[in-house]
Every structure is written in C-alpha cells, then in structure tokens.
Amino acid sequence: MTTTNVIELDDGNFDHEVIQSEQPVLVEFWDESCLPCETLTNTLDELAQQYAGRAKIAHMDVQTNVSTICSLGVEQLPSVLVFQNGHVVDRLVGEKPRGV
C-alpha cells in the first residue's frame, strides 16, 4: 500500500513517529473497504515524495489500531489529521476533490 516515503503507523509506533516528531505529520486513517480511502492513499503517496525531508506522510489502518483511533476521535473515513509539535492542527474528514 505504501511507497518508501510513507510511514505505516500502528498503536506501537504512533507516539514516536507522530507525537514526538519534529516535522509536521499528515496521517491518513483508512480501511481497505473504504473506496475513497484508496484514492486518497494514492494522492498522499505522491505528496510523500514531494515533501520528503520536510514533512512526514503516514497511513494508519483503523481496523488494527483501535486504541489510537479511539483516543483521537476518528469516526468517519477517510480522515486525515495534521500534527505539528504533537498536536492536531487540522482535521479533514470525508471525501474532498483534489486541490481543496
């Protein structure tokens, strides 16, 4: 599902990769049964290449990482949270056209 520039997150590495990160981190929360998630994943894979070294792009499967999903209040897919200095600074929920 990912390119070499995209981080696969799970409950075990979320704190290290996202909360403790010195770079901004964009996290896509997805499920394999979510068709809009698949389209978004492809777009974020492209962004990961463009922003390599300046920001982290990551994916997190909601089916296998319930603890983190619940603590962040992720209830709808696709959801994208942007973290800066360990805090959520933006939240995008649902399907959006590219460029919005």
N, C-alpha and C. Protein backbone atom coordinates (compact mmCIF):
# COMPACT_ATOMS: atom_id res chain seq x y z
N MET A 1 0.80 -1.20 0.00
CA MET A 1 0.00 0.00 0.00
C MET A 1 0.85 1.27 0.00
N THR A 2 2.10 1.22 0.37
CA THR A 2 2.85 2.45 0.54
C THR A 2 4.09 2.52 -0.33
N THR A 3 4.58 3.74 -0.48
CA THR A 3 5.88 3.94 -1.11
C THR A 3 6.92 3.97 -0.01
N THR A 4 8.17 4.09 -0.36
CA THR A 4 9.22 4.10 0.64
C THR A 4 9.18 5.36 1.50
N ASN A 5 8.52 6.42 1.06
CA ASN A 5 8.45 7.66 1.83
C ASN A 5 7.26 7.74 2.77
N VAL A 6 6.39 6.74 2.77
CA VAL A 6 5.20 6.76 3.61
C VAL A 6 5.42 5.83 4.79
N ILE A 7 5.06 6.33 5.96
CA ILE A 7 5.23 5.56 7.19
C ILE A 7 3.95 4.80 7.50
N GLU A 8 4.07 3.53 7.80
CA GLU A 8 2.93 2.73 8.27
C GLU A 8 2.89 2.85 9.79
N LEU A 9 1.81 3.42 10.28
CA LEU A 9 1.66 3.61 11.72
C LEU A 9 0.85 2.49 12.34
N ASP A 10 1.12 2.26 13.63
CA ASP A 10 0.30 1.35 14.43
C ASP A 10 0.28 1.90 15.85
N ASP A 11 -0.49 1.26 16.72
CA ASP A 11 -0.59 1.73 18.10
C ASP A 11 0.78 1.80 18.77
N GLY A 12 1.70 0.93 18.37
CA GLY A 12 3.01 0.86 19.00
C GLY A 12 3.98 1.96 18.59
N ASN A 13 3.91 2.45 17.35
CA ASN A 13 4.88 3.46 16.91
C ASN A 13 4.29 4.86 16.75
N PHE A 14 2.99 5.03 17.01
CA PHE A 14 2.33 6.31 16.80
C PHE A 14 2.98 7.44 17.60
N ASP A 15 3.22 7.21 18.87
CA ASP A 15 3.80 8.26 19.72
C ASP A 15 5.16 8.70 19.19
N HIS A 16 6.02 7.74 18.86
CA HIS A 16 7.36 8.07 18.37
C HIS A 16 7.32 8.78 17.02
N GLU A 17 6.56 8.25 16.09
CA GLU A 17 6.54 8.78 14.72
C GLU A 17 5.74 10.07 14.56
N VAL A 18 4.72 10.27 15.40
CA VAL A 18 3.84 11.42 15.23
C VAL A 18 3.97 12.42 16.36
N ILE A 19 3.69 12.01 17.57
CA ILE A 19 3.67 12.93 18.71
C ILE A 19 5.05 13.51 18.98
N GLN A 20 6.08 12.72 18.87
CA GLN A 20 7.45 13.19 19.15
C GLN A 20 8.17 13.74 17.93
N SER A 21 7.53 13.78 16.79
CA SER A 21 8.17 14.22 15.56
C SER A 21 8.47 15.72 15.57
N GLU A 22 9.63 16.08 15.09
CA GLU A 22 9.99 17.49 14.94
C GLU A 22 9.44 18.06 13.65
N GLN A 23 9.04 17.21 12.72
CA GLN A 23 8.44 17.64 11.46
C GLN A 23 6.92 17.55 11.55
N PRO A 24 6.22 18.32 10.74
CA PRO A 24 4.77 18.13 10.66
C PRO A 24 4.48 16.72 10.14
N VAL A 25 3.36 16.15 10.58
CA VAL A 25 2.99 14.80 10.16
C VAL A 25 1.53 14.81 9.71
N LEU A 26 1.30 14.33 8.51
CA LEU A 26 -0.04 14.16 7.97
C LEU A 26 -0.37 12.68 8.05
N VAL A 27 -1.44 12.34 8.76
CA VAL A 27 -1.81 10.95 8.96
C VAL A 27 -3.16 10.66 8.32
N GLU A 28 -3.18 9.70 7.42
CA GLU A 28 -4.42 9.23 6.81
C GLU A 28 -4.89 8.00 7.58
N PHE A 29 -6.13 8.03 8.02
CA PHE A 29 -6.75 6.90 8.68
C PHE A 29 -7.62 6.20 7.64
N TRP A 30 -7.39 4.93 7.41
CA TRP A 30 -8.01 4.23 6.30
C TRP A 30 -8.47 2.83 6.71
N ASP A 31 -9.23 2.25 5.81
CA ASP A 31 -9.69 0.86 5.93
C ASP A 31 -9.74 0.31 4.51
N GLU A 32 -9.38 -0.93 4.34
CA GLU A 32 -9.33 -1.50 2.99
C GLU A 32 -10.69 -1.54 2.31
N SER A 33 -11.78 -1.48 3.05
CA SER A 33 -13.11 -1.50 2.44
C SER A 33 -13.60 -0.10 2.05
N CYS A 34 -12.82 0.93 2.32
CA CYS A 34 -13.18 2.32 2.04
C CYS A 34 -12.63 2.72 0.67
N LEU A 35 -13.49 2.81 -0.34
CA LEU A 35 -13.03 3.16 -1.69
C LEU A 35 -12.45 4.58 -1.78
N PRO A 36 -13.06 5.59 -1.16
CA PRO A 36 -12.43 6.92 -1.19
C PRO A 36 -11.05 6.93 -0.54
N CYS A 37 -10.84 6.05 0.44
CA CYS A 37 -9.53 5.97 1.10
C CYS A 37 -8.45 5.55 0.10
N GLU A 38 -8.80 4.65 -0.81
CA GLU A 38 -7.83 4.17 -1.80
C GLU A 38 -7.35 5.32 -2.70
N THR A 39 -8.28 6.14 -3.14
CA THR A 39 -7.93 7.28 -3.98
C THR A 39 -7.05 8.26 -3.20
N LEU A 40 -7.43 8.53 -1.97
CA LEU A 40 -6.67 9.44 -1.12
C LEU A 40 -5.27 8.90 -0.85
N THR A 41 -5.17 7.61 -0.63
CA THR A 41 -3.87 6.99 -0.39
C THR A 41 -2.92 7.24 -1.55
N ASN A 42 -3.41 7.09 -2.76
CA ASN A 42 -2.57 7.32 -3.94
C ASN A 42 -2.08 8.77 -4.00
N THR A 43 -2.96 9.71 -3.69
CA THR A 43 -2.58 11.13 -3.67
C THR A 43 -1.53 11.39 -2.60
N LEU A 44 -1.73 10.82 -1.42
CA LEU A 44 -0.78 11.05 -0.33
C LEU A 44 0.56 10.40 -0.59
N ASP A 45 0.57 9.29 -1.31
CA ASP A 45 1.83 8.67 -1.70
C ASP A 45 2.64 9.62 -2.58
N GLU A 46 1.95 10.34 -3.48
CA GLU A 46 2.62 11.34 -4.31
C GLU A 46 3.16 12.49 -3.46
N LEU A 47 2.36 12.96 -2.51
CA LEU A 47 2.80 14.04 -1.62
C LEU A 47 4.00 13.64 -0.78
N ALA A 48 4.05 12.39 -0.38
CA ALA A 48 5.18 11.92 0.42
C ALA A 48 6.49 12.09 -0.33
N GLN A 49 6.46 11.87 -1.63
CA GLN A 49 7.67 12.05 -2.43
C GLN A 49 8.03 13.53 -2.54
N GLN A 50 7.03 14.38 -2.72
CA GLN A 50 7.26 15.82 -2.86
C GLN A 50 7.77 16.47 -1.58
N TYR A 51 7.30 15.99 -0.43
CA TYR A 51 7.63 16.62 0.84
C TYR A 51 8.66 15.84 1.67
N ALA A 52 9.31 14.88 1.06
CA ALA A 52 10.32 14.09 1.77
C ALA A 52 11.36 15.00 2.40
N GLY A 53 11.61 14.79 3.68
CA GLY A 53 12.59 15.59 4.41
C GLY A 53 12.01 16.84 5.05
N ARG A 54 10.81 17.25 4.63
CA ARG A 54 10.18 18.45 5.19
C ARG A 54 8.95 18.13 6.02
N ALA A 55 8.30 17.02 5.73
CA ALA A 55 7.11 16.60 6.46
C ALA A 55 6.99 15.09 6.32
N LYS A 56 6.30 14.48 7.27
CA LYS A 56 6.05 13.05 7.21
C LYS A 56 4.62 12.82 6.73
N ILE A 57 4.46 11.80 5.90
CA ILE A 57 3.15 11.34 5.47
C ILE A 57 3.02 9.92 5.98
N ALA A 58 1.88 9.62 6.62
CA ALA A 58 1.71 8.30 7.23
C ALA A 58 0.29 7.79 7.01
N HIS A 59 0.17 6.47 7.07
CA HIS A 59 -1.12 5.79 6.96
C HIS A 59 -1.33 4.98 8.23
N MET A 60 -2.59 4.90 8.68
CA MET A 60 -2.92 4.06 9.83
C MET A 60 -4.22 3.31 9.56
N ASP A 61 -4.17 1.99 9.64
CA ASP A 61 -5.34 1.13 9.43
C ASP A 61 -6.23 1.18 10.67
N VAL A 62 -7.47 1.59 10.49
CA VAL A 62 -8.38 1.75 11.64
C VAL A 62 -8.82 0.41 12.22
N GLN A 63 -8.77 -0.65 11.43
CA GLN A 63 -9.21 -1.95 11.92
C GLN A 63 -8.25 -2.58 12.92
N THR A 64 -6.97 -2.27 12.81
CA THR A 64 -5.98 -2.93 13.66
C THR A 64 -5.37 -2.00 14.71
N ASN A 65 -5.82 -0.76 14.79
CA ASN A 65 -5.22 0.20 15.72
C ASN A 65 -6.30 0.96 16.48
N VAL A 66 -7.16 0.21 17.12
CA VAL A 66 -8.35 0.76 17.77
C VAL A 66 -7.99 1.73 18.90
N SER A 67 -6.96 1.47 19.64
CA SER A 67 -6.59 2.33 20.77
C SER A 67 -6.31 3.76 20.33
N THR A 68 -5.48 3.91 19.32
CA THR A 68 -5.14 5.24 18.82
C THR A 68 -6.33 5.91 18.16
N ILE A 69 -7.07 5.16 17.37
CA ILE A 69 -8.24 5.70 16.68
C ILE A 69 -9.23 6.27 17.69
N CYS A 70 -9.52 5.52 18.74
CA CYS A 70 -10.47 5.98 19.76
C CYS A 70 -9.96 7.21 20.49
N SER A 71 -8.69 7.23 20.83
CA SER A 71 -8.14 8.38 21.57
C SER A 71 -8.17 9.67 20.74
N LEU A 72 -8.14 9.55 19.42
CA LEU A 72 -8.15 10.73 18.55
C LEU A 72 -9.56 11.08 18.07
N GLY A 73 -10.53 10.26 18.36
CA GLY A 73 -11.90 10.53 17.95
C GLY A 73 -12.16 10.38 16.47
N VAL A 74 -11.42 9.49 15.83
CA VAL A 74 -11.63 9.24 14.39
C VAL A 74 -12.87 8.36 14.26
N GLU A 75 -13.92 8.91 13.62
CA GLU A 75 -15.18 8.18 13.50
C GLU A 75 -15.64 7.99 12.07
N GLN A 76 -15.09 8.74 11.14
CA GLN A 76 -15.53 8.66 9.74
C GLN A 76 -14.30 8.52 8.84
N LEU A 77 -14.49 7.81 7.72
CA LEU A 77 -13.40 7.63 6.76
C LEU A 77 -13.79 8.23 5.43
N PRO A 78 -12.83 8.70 4.68
CA PRO A 78 -11.44 8.87 5.11
C PRO A 78 -11.30 10.06 6.06
N SER A 79 -10.33 9.96 6.93
CA SER A 79 -9.97 11.06 7.83
C SER A 79 -8.48 11.31 7.72
N VAL A 80 -8.13 12.59 7.72
CA VAL A 80 -6.73 12.99 7.70
C VAL A 80 -6.53 13.97 8.83
N LEU A 81 -5.55 13.70 9.68
CA LEU A 81 -5.19 14.63 10.75
C LEU A 81 -3.78 15.12 10.49
N VAL A 82 -3.58 16.40 10.70
CA VAL A 82 -2.26 17.01 10.55
C VAL A 82 -1.77 17.36 11.95
N PHE A 83 -0.57 16.90 12.27
CA PHE A 83 0.03 17.12 13.58
C PHE A 83 1.23 18.05 13.46
N GLN A 84 1.37 18.95 14.39
CA GLN A 84 2.53 19.83 14.49
C GLN A 84 2.90 19.89 15.97
N ASN A 85 4.14 19.58 16.29
CA ASN A 85 4.60 19.58 17.68
C ASN A 85 3.71 18.72 18.57
N GLY A 86 3.26 17.59 18.04
CA GLY A 86 2.50 16.63 18.83
C GLY A 86 1.03 16.92 18.98
N HIS A 87 0.54 17.99 18.36
CA HIS A 87 -0.86 18.38 18.48
C HIS A 87 -1.55 18.38 17.13
N VAL A 88 -2.84 18.05 17.14
CA VAL A 88 -3.63 18.11 15.92
C VAL A 88 -3.87 19.58 15.58
N VAL A 89 -3.44 20.00 14.38
CA VAL A 89 -3.63 21.38 13.95
C VAL A 89 -4.64 21.50 12.82
N ASP A 90 -5.00 20.38 12.22
CA ASP A 90 -6.02 20.39 11.18
C ASP A 90 -6.61 19.00 11.06
N ARG A 91 -7.87 18.96 10.67
CA ARG A 91 -8.59 17.69 10.52
C ARG A 91 -9.45 17.78 9.28
N LEU A 92 -9.28 16.83 8.37
CA LEU A 92 -10.09 16.75 7.15
C LEU A 92 -10.85 15.43 7.20
N VAL A 93 -12.16 15.52 7.06
CA VAL A 93 -12.98 14.32 7.16
C VAL A 93 -13.87 14.21 5.92
N GLY A 94 -13.92 13.02 5.37
CA GLY A 94 -14.75 12.78 4.21
C GLY A 94 -13.99 12.98 2.91
N GLU A 95 -14.71 12.74 1.84
CA GLU A 95 -14.13 12.83 0.51
C GLU A 95 -14.11 14.28 0.04
N LYS A 96 -12.97 14.73 -0.44
CA LYS A 96 -12.81 16.10 -0.95
C LYS A 96 -12.13 16.03 -2.32
N PRO A 97 -12.49 16.93 -3.25
CA PRO A 97 -11.80 16.95 -4.52
C PRO A 97 -10.35 17.40 -4.33
N ARG A 98 -9.48 16.93 -5.20
CA ARG A 98 -8.07 17.32 -5.13
C ARG A 98 -7.93 18.82 -5.32
N GLY A 99 -7.07 19.45 -4.52
CA GLY A 99 -6.86 20.89 -4.60
C GLY A 99 -7.71 21.68 -3.62
N VAL A 100 -8.59 21.01 -2.90
CA VAL A 100 -9.45 21.71 -1.92
C VAL A 100 -8.82 21.63 -0.57
